[in-house]
Amino acid sequence: MSEMVEVVIDSVRVSLTNQQRIVLLRELEVERYLPIWIGPYEAESITISLQEIEIARPQTHDLLIETLEKTHARLTRVEVIALRGDIFYGNLVLESGGEIILIDARPSDSIALAVRAHVPILVARDILDTAGIIPEADIQQEIEDEEPNQSAEEAGESKERLSVFESFLSNVKLDEEADKDKPLAPDDDPDHPSDDE
């Protein structure tokens, strides 16, 4: 089994393109992130617990934590142990009567429980190596570090492409007042089918 690395929840986000939710996990030791797509219910459950919002009745994850406490079992950690295709697999690691019990669980549910029980979230290092994301600032720095190695010809081509783009922008005429609140004619609107179709 791969070495396990502790992560924390960086944020819960909503994709602007498809409205799906993502929980973004961040490594403690390195600036690397692991995005995991989750359902809206799990996203809400994680967010409610992170923000310590009190609700009138227990949610499913609250109920499970209370059940563990009443049966003298304790959640010690949650693990993200595998990535097959685009599906993550996880475990709840419980301790009951001196025995360690592993329960197969979706990472989204595991994370919602970890937040409530204040236990560590661990991810297999090979998953972080495969699916982890390094922040864009680091990537930009790598690009800047590599640019001095460009040949004079490559640098000239880059400047030429930039000057063509700058020329295009200088020739674009914007008349914001004339076009303000003006509806598109059917022929001008790409989303409006013409009568000929």
N, C-alpha and C. Protein backbone atom coordinates (compact mmCIF):
# COMPACT_ATOMS: atom_id res chain seq x y z
N MET A 1 0.84 -1.19 0.00
CA MET A 1 0.00 0.00 0.00
C MET A 1 0.88 1.25 0.00
N SER A 2 0.44 2.26 -0.70
CA SER A 2 1.17 3.52 -0.83
C SER A 2 1.22 4.26 0.51
N GLU A 3 2.26 5.06 0.67
CA GLU A 3 2.37 5.91 1.86
C GLU A 3 1.18 6.87 1.91
N MET A 4 0.66 7.11 3.10
CA MET A 4 -0.49 8.00 3.27
C MET A 4 0.00 9.40 3.66
N VAL A 5 -0.62 10.42 3.06
CA VAL A 5 -0.24 11.81 3.27
C VAL A 5 -1.43 12.56 3.84
N GLU A 6 -1.20 13.35 4.89
CA GLU A 6 -2.31 14.10 5.48
C GLU A 6 -2.63 15.33 4.63
N VAL A 7 -3.92 15.57 4.47
CA VAL A 7 -4.41 16.73 3.73
C VAL A 7 -5.46 17.44 4.57
N VAL A 8 -5.76 18.67 4.19
CA VAL A 8 -6.84 19.43 4.83
C VAL A 8 -7.78 19.92 3.74
N ILE A 9 -8.97 20.30 4.14
CA ILE A 9 -9.92 20.85 3.17
C ILE A 9 -9.53 22.30 2.91
N ASP A 10 -9.20 22.59 1.68
CA ASP A 10 -8.90 23.97 1.30
C ASP A 10 -10.19 24.74 1.06
N SER A 11 -11.10 24.12 0.30
CA SER A 11 -12.37 24.79 -0.01
C SER A 11 -13.34 23.81 -0.65
N VAL A 12 -14.59 24.22 -0.68
CA VAL A 12 -15.63 23.52 -1.43
C VAL A 12 -16.09 24.52 -2.48
N ARG A 13 -16.04 24.11 -3.75
CA ARG A 13 -16.33 25.05 -4.84
C ARG A 13 -17.41 24.52 -5.76
N VAL A 14 -17.96 25.43 -6.54
CA VAL A 14 -18.96 25.08 -7.55
C VAL A 14 -18.38 25.42 -8.91
N SER A 15 -18.41 24.46 -9.83
CA SER A 15 -17.94 24.70 -11.19
C SER A 15 -18.91 25.65 -11.88
N LEU A 16 -18.39 26.70 -12.49
CA LEU A 16 -19.25 27.67 -13.17
C LEU A 16 -19.81 27.11 -14.47
N THR A 17 -19.12 26.13 -15.06
CA THR A 17 -19.58 25.59 -16.34
C THR A 17 -20.71 24.59 -16.19
N ASN A 18 -20.66 23.74 -15.17
CA ASN A 18 -21.69 22.69 -15.07
C ASN A 18 -22.36 22.61 -13.70
N GLN A 19 -22.05 23.55 -12.82
CA GLN A 19 -22.66 23.63 -11.49
C GLN A 19 -22.37 22.42 -10.60
N GLN A 20 -21.39 21.58 -10.96
CA GLN A 20 -21.02 20.48 -10.09
C GLN A 20 -20.11 20.99 -8.98
N ARG A 21 -20.10 20.25 -7.86
CA ARG A 21 -19.32 20.67 -6.70
C ARG A 21 -17.98 19.93 -6.67
N ILE A 22 -16.99 20.62 -6.12
CA ILE A 22 -15.65 20.06 -5.96
C ILE A 22 -15.19 20.36 -4.55
N VAL A 23 -14.63 19.34 -3.89
CA VAL A 23 -13.94 19.61 -2.63
C VAL A 23 -12.46 19.62 -3.00
N LEU A 24 -11.76 20.66 -2.57
CA LEU A 24 -10.35 20.82 -2.89
C LEU A 24 -9.55 20.52 -1.63
N LEU A 25 -8.77 19.44 -1.68
CA LEU A 25 -7.93 19.05 -0.55
C LEU A 25 -6.53 19.58 -0.79
N ARG A 26 -5.85 20.00 0.29
CA ARG A 26 -4.50 20.56 0.17
C ARG A 26 -3.55 19.78 1.07
N GLU A 27 -2.40 19.43 0.52
CA GLU A 27 -1.37 18.76 1.32
C GLU A 27 -0.86 19.71 2.39
N LEU A 28 -0.47 19.15 3.52
CA LEU A 28 0.08 19.98 4.60
C LEU A 28 1.52 20.37 4.33
N GLU A 29 2.30 19.45 3.76
CA GLU A 29 3.73 19.65 3.60
C GLU A 29 4.12 20.40 2.33
N VAL A 30 3.34 20.23 1.27
CA VAL A 30 3.68 20.81 -0.04
C VAL A 30 2.48 21.58 -0.56
N GLU A 31 2.72 22.51 -1.46
CA GLU A 31 1.63 23.29 -2.06
C GLU A 31 1.08 22.51 -3.25
N ARG A 32 0.31 21.46 -2.94
CA ARG A 32 -0.31 20.64 -3.98
C ARG A 32 -1.74 20.35 -3.55
N TYR A 33 -2.65 20.31 -4.54
CA TYR A 33 -4.08 20.18 -4.26
C TYR A 33 -4.64 18.96 -4.96
N LEU A 34 -5.71 18.41 -4.37
CA LEU A 34 -6.41 17.28 -4.97
C LEU A 34 -7.89 17.65 -5.09
N PRO A 35 -8.38 17.85 -6.32
CA PRO A 35 -9.81 18.13 -6.49
C PRO A 35 -10.60 16.83 -6.59
N ILE A 36 -11.71 16.75 -5.87
CA ILE A 36 -12.59 15.58 -5.93
C ILE A 36 -14.00 16.08 -6.20
N TRP A 37 -14.61 15.60 -7.29
CA TRP A 37 -15.99 15.95 -7.61
C TRP A 37 -16.90 15.28 -6.59
N ILE A 38 -17.84 16.04 -6.04
CA ILE A 38 -18.78 15.49 -5.06
C ILE A 38 -20.19 15.94 -5.40
N GLY A 39 -21.16 15.30 -4.78
CA GLY A 39 -22.56 15.66 -5.01
C GLY A 39 -22.95 16.90 -4.24
N PRO A 40 -24.06 17.52 -4.62
CA PRO A 40 -24.50 18.75 -3.93
C PRO A 40 -24.83 18.52 -2.46
N TYR A 41 -25.42 17.37 -2.13
CA TYR A 41 -25.76 17.10 -0.73
C TYR A 41 -24.50 17.01 0.12
N GLU A 42 -23.49 16.28 -0.38
CA GLU A 42 -22.24 16.13 0.37
C GLU A 42 -21.52 17.47 0.49
N ALA A 43 -21.56 18.27 -0.59
CA ALA A 43 -20.94 19.60 -0.55
C ALA A 43 -21.59 20.47 0.52
N GLU A 44 -22.91 20.43 0.57
CA GLU A 44 -23.64 21.21 1.57
C GLU A 44 -23.33 20.71 2.98
N SER A 45 -23.26 19.40 3.13
CA SER A 45 -22.98 18.81 4.44
C SER A 45 -21.60 19.21 4.94
N ILE A 46 -20.60 19.16 4.05
CA ILE A 46 -19.24 19.55 4.42
C ILE A 46 -19.20 21.03 4.79
N THR A 47 -19.83 21.86 3.97
CA THR A 47 -19.82 23.31 4.18
C THR A 47 -20.51 23.69 5.49
N ILE A 48 -21.64 23.08 5.77
CA ILE A 48 -22.37 23.35 7.02
C ILE A 48 -21.48 23.05 8.22
N SER A 49 -20.78 21.93 8.16
CA SER A 49 -19.93 21.55 9.28
C SER A 49 -18.70 22.45 9.39
N LEU A 50 -18.09 22.79 8.25
CA LEU A 50 -16.91 23.67 8.27
C LEU A 50 -17.27 25.04 8.84
N GLN A 51 -18.45 25.54 8.50
CA GLN A 51 -18.86 26.86 8.96
C GLN A 51 -19.55 26.81 10.32
N GLU A 52 -19.64 25.62 10.88
CA GLU A 52 -20.25 25.40 12.20
C GLU A 52 -21.65 25.99 12.28
N ILE A 53 -22.42 25.75 11.22
CA ILE A 53 -23.81 26.20 11.19
C ILE A 53 -24.66 25.20 11.96
N GLU A 54 -25.46 25.71 12.88
CA GLU A 54 -26.33 24.82 13.64
C GLU A 54 -27.64 24.63 12.90
N ILE A 55 -28.05 23.37 12.79
CA ILE A 55 -29.31 23.06 12.12
C ILE A 55 -30.25 22.38 13.13
N ALA A 56 -31.54 22.48 12.87
CA ALA A 56 -32.54 22.00 13.82
C ALA A 56 -32.48 20.48 14.02
N ARG A 57 -32.32 19.74 12.95
CA ARG A 57 -32.32 18.28 13.03
C ARG A 57 -31.02 17.73 12.46
N PRO A 58 -30.56 16.59 12.97
CA PRO A 58 -29.29 16.04 12.47
C PRO A 58 -29.40 15.57 11.02
N GLN A 59 -28.33 15.83 10.27
CA GLN A 59 -28.23 15.30 8.92
C GLN A 59 -27.69 13.88 9.00
N THR A 60 -27.65 13.21 7.86
CA THR A 60 -27.19 11.82 7.82
C THR A 60 -25.80 11.66 8.42
N HIS A 61 -24.88 12.57 8.07
CA HIS A 61 -23.52 12.45 8.59
C HIS A 61 -23.47 12.70 10.10
N ASP A 62 -24.30 13.61 10.59
CA ASP A 62 -24.39 13.83 12.04
C ASP A 62 -24.91 12.57 12.73
N LEU A 63 -25.90 11.96 12.11
CA LEU A 63 -26.51 10.75 12.66
C LEU A 63 -25.49 9.62 12.77
N LEU A 64 -24.66 9.46 11.74
CA LEU A 64 -23.66 8.39 11.77
C LEU A 64 -22.62 8.65 12.87
N ILE A 65 -22.19 9.88 13.01
CA ILE A 65 -21.23 10.20 14.08
C ILE A 65 -21.84 9.89 15.45
N GLU A 66 -23.10 10.27 15.65
CA GLU A 66 -23.76 10.00 16.93
C GLU A 66 -23.92 8.50 17.16
N THR A 67 -24.23 7.76 16.09
CA THR A 67 -24.36 6.30 16.19
C THR A 67 -23.04 5.67 16.63
N LEU A 68 -21.93 6.13 16.03
CA LEU A 68 -20.62 5.61 16.41
C LEU A 68 -20.35 5.88 17.89
N GLU A 69 -20.63 7.09 18.33
CA GLU A 69 -20.39 7.45 19.74
C GLU A 69 -21.23 6.59 20.68
N LYS A 70 -22.51 6.39 20.34
CA LYS A 70 -23.41 5.62 21.23
C LYS A 70 -23.05 4.14 21.27
N THR A 71 -22.40 3.65 20.22
CA THR A 71 -22.01 2.23 20.18
C THR A 71 -20.55 2.04 20.59
N HIS A 72 -19.95 3.09 21.13
CA HIS A 72 -18.57 3.05 21.64
C HIS A 72 -17.54 2.74 20.55
N ALA A 73 -17.85 3.14 19.33
CA ALA A 73 -16.87 3.06 18.25
C ALA A 73 -16.38 4.49 18.01
N ARG A 74 -15.15 4.60 17.49
CA ARG A 74 -14.58 5.93 17.30
C ARG A 74 -13.97 6.00 15.91
N LEU A 75 -14.33 7.04 15.18
CA LEU A 75 -13.70 7.29 13.89
C LEU A 75 -12.33 7.89 14.17
N THR A 76 -11.26 7.23 13.70
CA THR A 76 -9.90 7.72 13.99
C THR A 76 -9.31 8.51 12.83
N ARG A 77 -9.71 8.16 11.61
CA ARG A 77 -9.23 8.88 10.43
C ARG A 77 -10.05 8.43 9.23
N VAL A 78 -9.96 9.18 8.14
CA VAL A 78 -10.55 8.75 6.88
C VAL A 78 -9.43 8.71 5.85
N GLU A 79 -9.57 7.82 4.87
CA GLU A 79 -8.52 7.63 3.89
C GLU A 79 -9.09 7.63 2.48
N VAL A 80 -8.37 8.26 1.56
CA VAL A 80 -8.64 8.13 0.14
C VAL A 80 -7.55 7.20 -0.36
N ILE A 81 -7.95 5.97 -0.74
CA ILE A 81 -6.95 4.92 -0.96
C ILE A 81 -6.71 4.54 -2.41
N ALA A 82 -7.65 4.89 -3.30
CA ALA A 82 -7.48 4.45 -4.69
C ALA A 82 -8.17 5.41 -5.65
N LEU A 83 -7.67 5.42 -6.87
CA LEU A 83 -8.27 6.17 -7.96
C LEU A 83 -8.29 5.23 -9.16
N ARG A 84 -9.50 4.85 -9.56
CA ARG A 84 -9.67 3.95 -10.72
C ARG A 84 -10.51 4.67 -11.75
N GLY A 85 -9.91 4.94 -12.90
CA GLY A 85 -10.60 5.77 -13.88
C GLY A 85 -10.70 7.16 -13.30
N ASP A 86 -11.90 7.66 -13.14
CA ASP A 86 -12.08 8.97 -12.51
C ASP A 86 -12.85 8.86 -11.19
N ILE A 87 -12.82 7.67 -10.60
CA ILE A 87 -13.55 7.43 -9.34
C ILE A 87 -12.56 7.21 -8.20
N PHE A 88 -12.73 7.99 -7.13
CA PHE A 88 -11.92 7.84 -5.93
C PHE A 88 -12.60 6.84 -4.99
N TYR A 89 -11.78 6.09 -4.25
CA TYR A 89 -12.27 5.12 -3.28
C TYR A 89 -11.66 5.46 -1.92
N GLY A 90 -12.45 5.24 -0.87
CA GLY A 90 -11.98 5.59 0.46
C GLY A 90 -12.37 4.59 1.53
N ASN A 91 -11.83 4.81 2.71
CA ASN A 91 -12.13 4.00 3.89
C ASN A 91 -12.41 4.90 5.08
N LEU A 92 -13.32 4.45 5.92
CA LEU A 92 -13.44 4.98 7.27
C LEU A 92 -12.60 4.06 8.13
N VAL A 93 -11.76 4.61 8.98
CA VAL A 93 -10.96 3.78 9.89
C VAL A 93 -11.53 3.99 11.29
N LEU A 94 -12.15 2.93 11.82
CA LEU A 94 -12.79 2.98 13.13
C LEU A 94 -11.99 2.19 14.14
N GLU A 95 -12.14 2.56 15.41
CA GLU A 95 -11.56 1.79 16.51
C GLU A 95 -12.71 1.45 17.45
N SER A 96 -12.85 0.16 17.72
CA SER A 96 -13.91 -0.29 18.62
C SER A 96 -13.39 -1.46 19.44
N GLY A 97 -13.37 -1.28 20.75
CA GLY A 97 -12.91 -2.34 21.64
C GLY A 97 -11.49 -2.78 21.35
N GLY A 98 -10.62 -1.83 20.98
CA GLY A 98 -9.23 -2.15 20.69
C GLY A 98 -9.01 -2.72 19.30
N GLU A 99 -10.05 -2.89 18.54
CA GLU A 99 -9.94 -3.45 17.19
C GLU A 99 -10.07 -2.34 16.15
N ILE A 100 -9.26 -2.42 15.10
CA ILE A 100 -9.33 -1.46 13.99
C ILE A 100 -10.25 -2.05 12.92
N ILE A 101 -11.21 -1.26 12.50
CA ILE A 101 -12.19 -1.70 11.50
C ILE A 101 -12.14 -0.74 10.31
N LEU A 102 -11.99 -1.29 9.10
CA LEU A 102 -12.01 -0.50 7.87
C LEU A 102 -13.36 -0.66 7.21
N ILE A 103 -13.98 0.45 6.86
CA ILE A 103 -15.28 0.42 6.18
C ILE A 103 -15.15 1.17 4.86
N ASP A 104 -15.49 0.49 3.77
CA ASP A 104 -15.47 1.10 2.45
C ASP A 104 -16.44 2.28 2.43
N ALA A 105 -15.98 3.43 1.95
CA ALA A 105 -16.84 4.62 1.92
C ALA A 105 -16.41 5.55 0.79
N ARG A 106 -17.38 6.28 0.27
CA ARG A 106 -17.04 7.30 -0.73
C ARG A 106 -16.24 8.40 -0.05
N PRO A 107 -15.23 8.94 -0.72
CA PRO A 107 -14.46 10.03 -0.11
C PRO A 107 -15.33 11.23 0.29
N SER A 108 -16.37 11.54 -0.47
CA SER A 108 -17.21 12.68 -0.11
C SER A 108 -17.88 12.47 1.25
N ASP A 109 -18.39 11.27 1.49
CA ASP A 109 -19.00 10.97 2.79
C ASP A 109 -17.93 10.92 3.88
N SER A 110 -16.78 10.34 3.54
CA SER A 110 -15.68 10.24 4.51
C SER A 110 -15.24 11.62 4.97
N ILE A 111 -15.11 12.55 4.01
CA ILE A 111 -14.67 13.91 4.35
C ILE A 111 -15.72 14.61 5.22
N ALA A 112 -17.00 14.43 4.89
CA ALA A 112 -18.07 15.03 5.70
C ALA A 112 -18.02 14.51 7.14
N LEU A 113 -17.69 13.24 7.30
CA LEU A 113 -17.57 12.66 8.65
C LEU A 113 -16.31 13.16 9.35
N ALA A 114 -15.20 13.27 8.61
CA ALA A 114 -13.93 13.73 9.20
C ALA A 114 -14.07 15.14 9.77
N VAL A 115 -14.79 16.00 9.05
CA VAL A 115 -14.99 17.38 9.52
C VAL A 115 -15.75 17.37 10.85
N ARG A 116 -16.75 16.52 10.95
CA ARG A 116 -17.57 16.47 12.16
C ARG A 116 -16.82 15.85 13.34
N ALA A 117 -16.02 14.82 13.06
CA ALA A 117 -15.31 14.11 14.13
C ALA A 117 -13.94 14.73 14.42
N HIS A 118 -13.53 15.72 13.63
CA HIS A 118 -12.23 16.37 13.80
C HIS A 118 -11.09 15.35 13.76
N VAL A 119 -11.11 14.53 12.71
CA VAL A 119 -10.07 13.51 12.54
C VAL A 119 -9.31 13.79 11.23
N PRO A 120 -8.09 13.24 11.11
CA PRO A 120 -7.29 13.50 9.91
C PRO A 120 -7.89 12.88 8.64
N ILE A 121 -7.61 13.55 7.53
CA ILE A 121 -7.94 13.04 6.20
C ILE A 121 -6.60 12.66 5.56
N LEU A 122 -6.47 11.41 5.17
CA LEU A 122 -5.23 10.93 4.56
C LEU A 122 -5.49 10.50 3.12
N VAL A 123 -4.51 10.76 2.25
CA VAL A 123 -4.61 10.38 0.84
C VAL A 123 -3.35 9.61 0.47
N ALA A 124 -3.53 8.54 -0.29
CA ALA A 124 -2.38 7.76 -0.76
C ALA A 124 -1.49 8.64 -1.64
N ARG A 125 -0.18 8.59 -1.39
CA ARG A 125 0.76 9.44 -2.13
C ARG A 125 0.67 9.22 -3.64
N ASP A 126 0.46 7.98 -4.07
CA ASP A 126 0.40 7.74 -5.52
C ASP A 126 -0.80 8.45 -6.16
N ILE A 127 -1.88 8.64 -5.40
CA ILE A 127 -3.03 9.40 -5.92
C ILE A 127 -2.65 10.87 -6.07
N LEU A 128 -1.97 11.41 -5.07
CA LEU A 128 -1.53 12.81 -5.16
C LEU A 128 -0.55 13.00 -6.31
N ASP A 129 0.32 12.01 -6.52
CA ASP A 129 1.28 12.10 -7.63
C ASP A 129 0.57 12.05 -8.98
N THR A 130 -0.51 11.28 -9.05
CA THR A 130 -1.25 11.12 -10.31
C THR A 130 -2.23 12.26 -10.56
N ALA A 131 -3.03 12.60 -9.55
CA ALA A 131 -4.14 13.54 -9.75
C ALA A 131 -3.96 14.88 -9.05
N GLY A 132 -2.87 15.05 -8.31
CA GLY A 132 -2.63 16.31 -7.61
C GLY A 132 -2.34 17.44 -8.57
N ILE A 133 -2.67 18.65 -8.15
CA ILE A 133 -2.48 19.84 -8.98
C ILE A 133 -1.57 20.81 -8.25
N ILE A 134 -0.56 21.29 -8.96
CA ILE A 134 0.33 22.31 -8.42
C ILE A 134 -0.24 23.67 -8.82
N PRO A 135 -0.25 24.65 -7.93
CA PRO A 135 -0.84 25.95 -8.26
C PRO A 135 -0.23 26.57 -9.51
N GLU A 136 -1.04 27.35 -10.20
CA GLU A 136 -0.65 27.96 -11.46
C GLU A 136 0.53 28.91 -11.31
N ALA A 137 0.67 29.56 -10.18
CA ALA A 137 1.79 30.49 -9.98
C ALA A 137 3.11 29.75 -10.13
N ASP A 138 3.15 28.50 -9.61
CA ASP A 138 4.36 27.70 -9.74
C ASP A 138 4.62 27.35 -11.19
N ILE A 139 3.55 27.04 -11.93
CA ILE A 139 3.70 26.70 -13.34
C ILE A 139 4.20 27.92 -14.09
N GLN A 140 3.65 29.11 -13.80
CA GLN A 140 4.09 30.34 -14.45
C GLN A 140 5.56 30.59 -14.15
N GLN A 141 5.99 30.34 -12.91
CA GLN A 141 7.39 30.54 -12.55
C GLN A 141 8.28 29.60 -13.35
N GLU A 142 7.84 28.33 -13.54
CA GLU A 142 8.60 27.38 -14.34
C GLU A 142 8.75 27.88 -15.76
N ILE A 143 7.67 28.43 -16.33
CA ILE A 143 7.71 28.95 -17.70
C ILE A 143 8.69 30.11 -17.78
N GLU A 144 8.63 31.02 -16.80
CA GLU A 144 9.54 32.16 -16.80
C GLU A 144 10.98 31.71 -16.65
N ASP A 145 11.20 30.67 -15.84
CA ASP A 145 12.56 30.14 -15.67
C ASP A 145 13.09 29.54 -16.96
N GLU A 146 12.19 28.98 -17.78
CA GLU A 146 12.61 28.33 -19.02
C GLU A 146 12.80 29.32 -20.16
N GLU A 147 12.17 30.49 -20.12
CA GLU A 147 12.22 31.43 -21.23
C GLU A 147 13.63 31.87 -21.61
N PRO A 148 14.57 32.06 -20.67
CA PRO A 148 15.91 32.45 -21.11
C PRO A 148 16.56 31.41 -22.03
N ASN A 149 16.09 30.18 -22.00
CA ASN A 149 16.65 29.13 -22.84
C ASN A 149 16.11 29.17 -24.26
N GLN A 150 15.16 30.06 -24.55
CA GLN A 150 14.61 30.16 -25.89
C GLN A 150 15.70 30.63 -26.84
N SER A 151 15.62 30.11 -28.06
CA SER A 151 16.55 30.60 -29.08
C SER A 151 16.10 31.98 -29.51
N ALA A 152 17.00 32.72 -30.14
CA ALA A 152 16.67 34.07 -30.62
C ALA A 152 15.53 34.00 -31.62
N GLU A 153 15.50 32.93 -32.43
CA GLU A 153 14.44 32.76 -33.43
C GLU A 153 13.08 32.57 -32.76
N GLU A 154 13.03 31.70 -31.70
CA GLU A 154 11.77 31.47 -30.98
C GLU A 154 11.29 32.75 -30.30
N ALA A 155 12.21 33.50 -29.72
CA ALA A 155 11.84 34.75 -29.05
C ALA A 155 11.28 35.74 -30.07
N GLY A 156 11.88 35.79 -31.25
CA GLY A 156 11.40 36.68 -32.31
C GLY A 156 10.01 36.31 -32.77
N GLU A 157 9.74 34.98 -32.90
CA GLU A 157 8.41 34.51 -33.30
C GLU A 157 7.36 34.90 -32.26
N SER A 158 7.71 34.78 -30.97
CA SER A 158 6.77 35.15 -29.91
C SER A 158 6.44 36.63 -29.97
N LYS A 159 7.46 37.47 -30.18
CA LYS A 159 7.23 38.91 -30.26
C LYS A 159 6.40 39.26 -31.48
N GLU A 160 6.64 38.54 -32.60
CA GLU A 160 5.88 38.80 -33.82
C GLU A 160 4.40 38.47 -33.61
N ARG A 161 4.11 37.32 -32.97
CA ARG A 161 2.72 36.95 -32.70
C ARG A 161 2.06 37.99 -31.80
N LEU A 162 2.80 38.48 -30.81
CA LEU A 162 2.26 39.48 -29.90
C LEU A 162 1.98 40.78 -30.65
N SER A 163 2.88 41.19 -31.55
CA SER A 163 2.65 42.45 -32.27
C SER A 163 1.47 42.34 -33.22
N VAL A 164 1.23 41.16 -33.82
CA VAL A 164 0.06 40.96 -34.68
C VAL A 164 -1.21 41.11 -33.85
N PHE A 165 -1.21 40.54 -32.64
CA PHE A 165 -2.37 40.63 -31.76
C PHE A 165 -2.60 42.08 -31.32
N GLU A 166 -1.51 42.78 -30.96
CA GLU A 166 -1.64 44.18 -30.56
C GLU A 166 -2.20 45.02 -31.71
N SER A 167 -1.75 44.73 -32.94
CA SER A 167 -2.24 45.45 -34.12
C SER A 167 -3.74 45.22 -34.30
N PHE A 168 -4.17 43.98 -34.12
CA PHE A 168 -5.59 43.64 -34.23
C PHE A 168 -6.40 44.44 -33.22
N LEU A 169 -5.93 44.47 -31.97
CA LEU A 169 -6.65 45.19 -30.92
C LEU A 169 -6.74 46.68 -31.21
N SER A 170 -5.68 47.25 -31.77
CA SER A 170 -5.71 48.69 -32.04
C SER A 170 -6.69 49.03 -33.16
N ASN A 171 -7.00 48.04 -34.03
CA ASN A 171 -7.94 48.28 -35.13
C ASN A 171 -9.39 47.98 -34.76
N VAL A 172 -9.61 47.42 -33.59
CA VAL A 172 -10.97 47.13 -33.16
C VAL A 172 -11.59 48.42 -32.67
N LYS A 173 -12.73 48.73 -33.22
CA LYS A 173 -13.41 49.98 -32.86
C LYS A 173 -14.60 49.63 -31.97
N LEU A 174 -14.62 50.19 -30.80
CA LEU A 174 -15.73 49.94 -29.88
C LEU A 174 -16.57 51.19 -29.76
N ASP A 175 -17.83 51.05 -30.08
CA ASP A 175 -18.76 52.15 -29.90
C ASP A 175 -19.79 51.69 -28.88
N GLU A 176 -19.40 51.77 -27.61
CA GLU A 176 -20.24 51.22 -26.55
C GLU A 176 -21.59 51.92 -26.46
N GLU A 177 -21.62 53.23 -26.65
CA GLU A 177 -22.89 53.96 -26.52
C GLU A 177 -23.87 53.56 -27.62
N ALA A 178 -23.37 53.37 -28.84
CA ALA A 178 -24.26 53.04 -29.95
C ALA A 178 -24.86 51.65 -29.78
N ASP A 179 -24.09 50.72 -29.22
CA ASP A 179 -24.54 49.34 -29.11
C ASP A 179 -25.23 49.04 -27.78
N LYS A 180 -25.24 49.98 -26.87
CA LYS A 180 -25.77 49.73 -25.54
C LYS A 180 -27.25 49.35 -25.60
N ASP A 181 -27.58 48.22 -24.99
CA ASP A 181 -28.95 47.71 -24.91
C ASP A 181 -29.61 47.49 -26.27
N LYS A 182 -28.82 47.42 -27.31
CA LYS A 182 -29.37 47.19 -28.64
C LYS A 182 -29.53 45.69 -28.85
N PRO A 183 -30.75 45.21 -29.13
CA PRO A 183 -30.92 43.78 -29.35
C PRO A 183 -30.26 43.36 -30.65
N LEU A 184 -29.81 42.13 -30.68
CA LEU A 184 -29.23 41.60 -31.90
C LEU A 184 -30.32 41.29 -32.90
N ALA A 185 -30.03 41.57 -34.15
CA ALA A 185 -30.93 41.12 -35.20
C ALA A 185 -30.80 39.62 -35.30
N PRO A 186 -31.83 38.90 -35.73
CA PRO A 186 -31.75 37.44 -35.79
C PRO A 186 -30.52 36.94 -36.54
N ASP A 187 -30.10 37.62 -37.60
CA ASP A 187 -28.94 37.17 -38.36
C ASP A 187 -27.64 37.36 -37.58
N ASP A 188 -27.63 38.29 -36.62
CA ASP A 188 -26.43 38.57 -35.84
C ASP A 188 -26.31 37.67 -34.62
N ASP A 189 -27.39 37.02 -34.22
CA ASP A 189 -27.40 36.22 -33.00
C ASP A 189 -27.09 34.77 -33.33
N PRO A 190 -25.90 34.26 -32.92
CA PRO A 190 -25.54 32.88 -33.23
C PRO A 190 -26.44 31.86 -32.55
N ASP A 191 -27.10 32.24 -31.45
CA ASP A 191 -27.96 31.29 -30.75
C ASP A 191 -29.39 31.31 -31.26
N HIS A 192 -29.70 32.25 -32.13
CA HIS A 192 -31.06 32.37 -32.66
C HIS A 192 -31.09 31.76 -34.05
N PRO A 193 -31.81 30.65 -34.24
CA PRO A 193 -31.85 30.05 -35.58
C PRO A 193 -32.55 30.97 -36.56
N SER A 194 -32.03 31.00 -37.76
CA SER A 194 -32.67 31.84 -38.77
C SER A 194 -33.92 31.14 -39.28
N ASP A 195 -34.77 31.90 -39.96
CA ASP A 195 -36.02 31.35 -40.49
C ASP A 195 -35.77 30.37 -41.62
N ASP A 196 -34.56 30.43 -42.21
CA ASP A 196 -34.24 29.55 -43.34
C ASP A 196 -33.97 28.12 -42.89
N GLU A 197 -33.68 27.92 -41.61
CA GLU A 197 -33.29 26.58 -41.13
C GLU A 197 -34.49 25.72 -40.86
